[in-house]
Amino acid sequence: MTLSLLLATACSKGTITGTVTDALTGAPIAELRVIAKSSDATDLTCMALEGTTDATGTFTIANVCSNTYELTAGDDLLLLKGDTSHDGTQKDAGAKAIQAWMAPEGSSVYFLGEGELNAQKTLSDVSTATILKSDPPQAVRYPETKLKTWPQLKAGEYLVITGASNMDTLKLHPVHESPEVKFSPDREDISHWSLGKEWDYIGIQMTADGSFELKDVSPDASKIQEVKGLEDRGARYISADALPAGRYALLKDKSKRTYMFEVGGAAE
């Protein structure tokens, strides 16, 4: 028996078919390489097979061996979820329904709009001070940089937080501009100090007489979606309309840096 006949016999068990759609919009994804990987194949020709989606998001992977397979995307930005497992001993497993999520590997923050991911950067260091004569002492966090232009999360876009660790620890806080605020002394030879002008504060709003109100935000949970993969891979998608119009800081509880952005084009 020739080598070519052996290979044909090993890899002639069947096909994998399915459709890939965008998880957020439901639209079909065309020209996507779908790769079937097998961890239990001993024949090199069976370890990785692939097909490409057409305009309707449909793909076919031929010459599937009698091994178990997991379907992945040929695009590193996409995470496939749904019916992604295949038993090669089953000749007719039916068409697979698969969703593709824009979920790059690693931990970062993006704006997602019109199918494009735009990476965001932390925009300021964060400091903490105590409001003068507050009882009990009230700490307040503030960005050291006062932005002139805020990044805009526009209608129809998503705030995307990637990486399971980021998803667990990054928190949204409203940002409010307040008049000049007096803070408790940070050294012995002064009675108080201030930033000297109106400033932005994280999770708190203050008035000129020193009174304050703690602020929080509760995004509309029905407009938040999540996906998780293996290890630390995953993403949370917060629709712009899940948040009230205003300015926001996104940071960890003890973080020294913060992401900052605006929703709705104007701060409260």
Protein backbone atom coordinates (compact mmCIF):
# COMPACT_ATOMS: atom_id res chain seq x y z
CA MET A 1 0.00 0.00 0.00
CA THR A 2 1.44 3.36 -0.96
CA LEU A 3 1.95 6.28 1.41
CA SER A 4 -0.62 8.40 -0.46
CA LEU A 5 -3.26 5.69 -0.04
CA LEU A 6 -2.48 5.46 3.69
CA LEU A 7 -2.95 9.20 4.10
CA ALA A 8 -6.19 9.16 2.17
CA THR A 9 -7.50 6.37 4.38
CA ALA A 10 -6.48 8.17 7.59
CA CYS A 11 -8.11 11.45 6.67
CA SER A 12 -11.32 10.59 4.87
CA LYS A 13 -13.75 10.31 7.78
CA GLY A 14 -15.89 13.34 7.10
CA THR A 15 -16.29 17.09 7.18
CA ILE A 16 -17.01 19.88 9.66
CA THR A 17 -19.49 22.53 8.56
CA GLY A 18 -20.87 25.56 10.33
CA THR A 19 -21.59 29.27 10.34
CA VAL A 20 -19.72 32.02 12.18
CA THR A 21 -21.52 35.20 13.21
CA ASP A 22 -20.49 38.32 15.12
CA ALA A 23 -21.60 37.75 18.72
CA LEU A 24 -22.61 41.40 19.23
CA THR A 25 -24.35 42.15 15.93
CA GLY A 26 -25.42 38.74 14.66
CA ALA A 27 -23.91 39.53 11.23
CA PRO A 28 -22.08 36.76 9.35
CA ILE A 29 -18.29 36.98 9.30
CA ALA A 30 -16.77 36.42 5.87
CA GLU A 31 -13.25 35.39 4.89
CA LEU A 32 -12.38 34.04 8.32
CA ARG A 33 -10.03 31.09 8.58
CA VAL A 34 -11.53 28.50 10.91
CA ILE A 35 -8.93 26.03 12.18
CA ALA A 36 -9.74 22.58 13.57
CA LYS A 37 -7.00 21.49 15.98
CA SER A 38 -6.64 17.99 17.45
CA SER A 39 -4.67 17.26 20.59
CA ASP A 40 -5.03 13.49 20.33
CA ALA A 41 -4.02 12.98 16.68
CA THR A 42 -0.86 10.99 16.02
CA ASP A 43 -0.94 11.49 12.25
CA LEU A 44 0.61 14.86 11.35
CA THR A 45 -1.94 15.33 8.57
CA CYS A 46 -4.77 15.15 11.12
CA MET A 47 -3.50 17.62 13.69
CA ALA A 48 -4.67 20.86 12.06
CA LEU A 49 -7.21 21.32 9.28
CA GLU A 50 -8.92 24.50 8.13
CA GLY A 51 -11.61 26.12 6.03
CA THR A 52 -12.61 29.70 5.21
CA THR A 53 -16.02 31.30 5.67
CA ASP A 54 -17.89 32.65 2.66
CA ALA A 55 -20.07 35.77 2.45
CA THR A 56 -22.75 34.07 4.57
CA GLY A 57 -20.25 33.10 7.28
CA THR A 58 -20.43 29.43 6.28
CA PHE A 59 -17.36 27.20 6.27
CA THR A 60 -16.49 23.59 5.45
CA ILE A 61 -13.44 21.70 6.69
CA ALA A 62 -12.80 18.55 4.67
CA ASN A 63 -10.79 15.36 5.27
CA VAL A 64 -11.54 15.27 9.00
CA CYS A 65 -9.90 12.34 10.76
CA SER A 66 -11.40 10.21 13.53
CA ASN A 67 -10.00 12.41 16.31
CA THR A 68 -11.44 15.05 18.60
CA TYR A 69 -11.13 18.65 17.40
CA GLU A 70 -11.55 22.16 18.78
CA LEU A 71 -12.32 25.00 16.39
CA THR A 72 -10.36 28.25 16.72
CA ALA A 73 -10.14 31.43 14.66
CA GLY A 74 -7.24 32.17 12.34
CA ASP A 75 -7.52 35.77 13.51
CA ASP A 76 -5.86 36.32 16.93
CA LEU A 77 -8.34 39.10 17.74
CA LEU A 78 -11.30 36.73 17.63
CA LEU A 79 -12.43 34.21 20.24
CA LEU A 80 -14.82 31.52 18.98
CA LYS A 81 -17.55 30.27 21.31
CA GLY A 82 -20.54 27.99 20.88
CA ASP A 83 -20.49 24.60 19.18
CA THR A 84 -16.71 24.52 18.72
CA SER A 85 -15.96 20.88 19.64
CA HIS A 86 -16.09 18.06 17.11
CA ASP A 87 -15.88 14.29 17.47
CA GLY A 88 -14.29 12.99 14.29
CA THR A 89 -15.78 9.53 14.77
CA GLN A 90 -19.22 11.04 14.11
CA LYS A 91 -19.63 11.26 10.33
CA ASP A 92 -22.71 13.48 10.50
CA ALA A 93 -22.51 15.91 13.41
CA GLY A 94 -24.67 18.59 11.78
CA ALA A 95 -23.83 22.21 11.05
CA LYS A 96 -22.23 24.14 13.89
CA ALA A 97 -23.44 27.53 15.13
CA ILE A 98 -20.43 29.56 16.26
CA GLN A 99 -20.11 33.10 17.57
CA ALA A 100 -16.99 35.21 17.17
CA TRP A 101 -16.07 37.76 19.83
CA MET A 102 -13.53 40.58 19.41
CA ALA A 103 -11.41 39.50 22.36
CA PRO A 104 -7.67 39.99 21.88
CA GLU A 105 -5.31 38.02 24.08
CA GLY A 106 -3.88 39.89 27.05
CA SER A 107 -5.29 42.44 29.46
CA SER A 108 -6.17 45.83 28.05
CA VAL A 109 -8.97 48.32 27.36
CA TYR A 110 -10.48 49.20 23.98
CA PHE A 111 -13.29 51.11 22.31
CA LEU A 112 -15.11 48.92 19.77
CA GLY A 113 -17.01 50.60 16.96
CA GLU A 114 -17.88 49.55 13.40
CA GLY A 115 -15.92 46.33 13.84
CA GLU A 116 -12.71 48.13 14.79
CA LEU A 117 -10.91 47.90 18.14
CA ASN A 118 -9.14 51.06 19.27
CA ALA A 119 -6.72 50.53 22.15
CA GLN A 120 -7.02 53.00 25.04
CA LYS A 121 -4.20 54.23 27.25
CA THR A 122 -4.19 55.27 30.87
CA LEU A 123 -4.21 59.08 30.78
CA SER A 124 -3.18 60.18 34.25
CA ASP A 125 -1.51 59.27 37.50
CA VAL A 126 -3.89 59.07 40.47
CA SER A 127 -3.37 60.67 43.88
CA THR A 128 -5.32 60.57 47.13
CA ALA A 129 -6.00 63.32 49.67
CA THR A 130 -8.23 63.81 52.74
CA ILE A 131 -10.88 66.54 52.77
CA LEU A 132 -10.11 69.17 55.41
CA LYS A 133 -12.12 68.83 58.63
CA SER A 134 -14.16 65.89 57.30
CA ASP A 135 -15.45 63.74 60.14
CA PRO A 136 -14.85 60.88 59.81
CA PRO A 137 -11.88 61.64 57.54
CA GLN A 138 -12.96 61.33 53.92
CA ALA A 139 -10.34 60.35 51.37
CA VAL A 140 -10.77 61.37 47.76
CA ARG A 141 -8.95 60.23 44.64
CA TYR A 142 -8.20 62.53 41.74
CA PRO A 143 -6.34 62.35 38.42
CA GLU A 144 -3.20 64.47 38.57
CA THR A 145 -3.79 65.55 34.97
CA LYS A 146 -6.83 67.70 34.18
CA LEU A 147 -7.78 66.73 30.65
CA LYS A 148 -8.70 69.37 28.11
CA THR A 149 -10.03 66.80 25.66
CA TRP A 150 -11.68 63.60 26.83
CA PRO A 151 -11.78 60.40 24.74
CA GLN A 152 -15.35 59.89 23.53
CA LEU A 153 -17.22 56.59 23.83
CA LYS A 154 -19.80 57.25 21.13
CA ALA A 155 -23.34 55.94 20.65
CA GLY A 156 -23.28 52.43 19.20
CA GLU A 157 -19.79 51.72 20.54
CA TYR A 158 -18.63 49.42 23.32
CA LEU A 159 -16.12 49.80 26.12
CA VAL A 160 -14.19 46.52 25.96
CA ILE A 161 -12.19 45.25 28.94
CA THR A 162 -10.04 42.24 28.06
CA GLY A 163 -8.34 39.66 30.26
CA ALA A 164 -10.04 37.84 33.13
CA SER A 165 -7.86 39.65 35.70
CA ASN A 166 -8.85 43.06 34.29
CA MET A 167 -12.50 42.04 34.20
CA ASP A 168 -12.33 41.19 37.91
CA THR A 169 -10.48 44.29 39.11
CA LEU A 170 -11.08 47.30 36.85
CA LYS A 171 -14.01 49.38 38.12
CA LEU A 172 -15.95 52.29 36.66
CA HIS A 173 -16.36 55.49 38.68
CA PRO A 174 -18.06 58.74 37.70
CA VAL A 175 -15.81 61.79 37.56
CA HIS A 176 -17.14 65.19 38.71
CA GLU A 177 -15.57 68.61 38.53
CA SER A 178 -15.74 70.43 41.86
CA PRO A 179 -14.72 73.94 43.02
CA GLU A 180 -11.49 74.50 44.92
CA VAL A 181 -11.35 72.05 47.81
CA LYS A 182 -9.25 72.34 50.96
CA PHE A 183 -7.38 69.24 52.04
CA SER A 184 -5.86 68.21 55.36
CA PRO A 185 -2.19 69.18 55.74
CA ASP A 186 0.34 66.83 54.21
CA ARG A 187 3.22 68.30 56.23
CA GLU A 188 3.57 69.91 59.66
CA ASP A 189 4.16 73.53 58.67
CA ILE A 190 0.88 74.12 56.78
CA SER A 191 -2.76 74.31 57.89
CA HIS A 192 -4.18 72.93 54.67
CA TRP A 193 -3.53 72.71 50.94
CA SER A 194 -5.52 72.62 47.70
CA LEU A 195 -5.08 72.11 43.99
CA GLY A 196 -5.77 75.81 43.64
CA LYS A 197 -8.71 75.65 41.21
CA GLU A 198 -11.64 73.56 40.05
CA TRP A 199 -10.55 69.97 39.62
CA ASP A 200 -11.87 66.53 38.66
CA TYR A 201 -12.52 63.98 41.41
CA ILE A 202 -13.20 60.26 41.19
CA GLY A 203 -16.40 58.94 42.73
CA ILE A 204 -17.22 62.08 44.71
CA GLN A 205 -18.78 65.49 44.16
CA MET A 206 -17.99 68.45 46.39
CA THR A 207 -19.22 72.02 46.82
CA ALA A 208 -17.41 75.21 47.77
CA ASP A 209 -18.39 74.93 51.43
CA GLY A 210 -16.62 71.58 51.76
CA SER A 211 -19.69 69.34 51.78
CA PHE A 212 -19.55 66.30 49.54
CA GLU A 213 -21.60 63.43 48.14
CA LEU A 214 -20.17 60.05 47.24
CA LYS A 215 -21.05 59.04 43.68
CA ASP A 216 -21.31 55.65 42.04
CA VAL A 217 -22.52 54.27 38.74
CA SER A 218 -24.64 51.20 38.02
CA PRO A 219 -24.40 50.35 34.31
CA ASP A 220 -27.47 48.77 32.75
CA ALA A 221 -26.69 45.06 33.18
CA SER A 222 -28.88 44.15 30.18
CA LYS A 223 -26.43 46.04 27.97
CA ILE A 224 -23.29 44.30 29.20
CA GLN A 225 -22.03 41.05 27.69
CA GLU A 226 -19.11 38.82 28.65
CA VAL A 227 -17.16 35.99 27.13
CA LYS A 228 -14.40 33.88 28.67
CA GLY A 229 -11.96 31.43 27.15
CA LEU A 230 -9.06 29.37 28.43
CA GLU A 231 -6.69 30.72 31.08
CA ASP A 232 -6.88 34.53 31.35
CA ARG A 233 -8.54 35.18 27.99
CA GLY A 234 -11.90 36.90 28.01
CA ALA A 235 -13.67 40.22 27.50
CA ARG A 236 -16.47 42.36 28.90
CA TYR A 237 -18.47 44.56 26.52
CA ILE A 238 -20.21 47.59 28.00
CA SER A 239 -22.45 49.37 25.52
CA ALA A 240 -22.20 53.17 25.53
CA ASP A 241 -25.91 53.42 26.30
CA ALA A 242 -25.42 51.27 29.41
CA LEU A 243 -23.91 54.35 31.05
CA PRO A 244 -25.49 57.73 31.86
CA ALA A 245 -23.98 60.72 30.04
CA GLY A 246 -20.92 61.96 31.90
CA ARG A 247 -17.23 61.44 32.51
CA TYR A 248 -15.70 58.27 33.90
CA ALA A 249 -12.52 56.85 35.36
CA LEU A 250 -11.73 53.16 34.95
CA LEU A 251 -9.16 51.87 37.42
CA LYS A 252 -8.37 49.31 40.08
CA ASP A 253 -8.94 50.02 43.78
CA LYS A 254 -5.30 50.81 44.52
CA SER A 255 -4.19 51.73 41.03
CA LYS A 256 -1.80 54.65 40.47
CA ARG A 257 -2.99 55.12 36.87
CA THR A 258 -6.44 55.54 35.36
CA TYR A 259 -8.25 55.29 32.04
CA MET A 260 -10.55 58.27 31.44
CA PHE A 261 -13.36 58.79 28.94
CA GLU A 262 -16.62 60.58 28.33
CA VAL A 263 -20.06 59.33 27.29
CA GLY A 264 -22.69 61.54 25.69
CA GLY A 265 -20.42 64.37 24.64
CA ALA A 266 -20.78 66.44 27.81
CA ALA A 267 -20.06 65.94 31.48
CA GLU A 268 -22.72 66.29 34.12
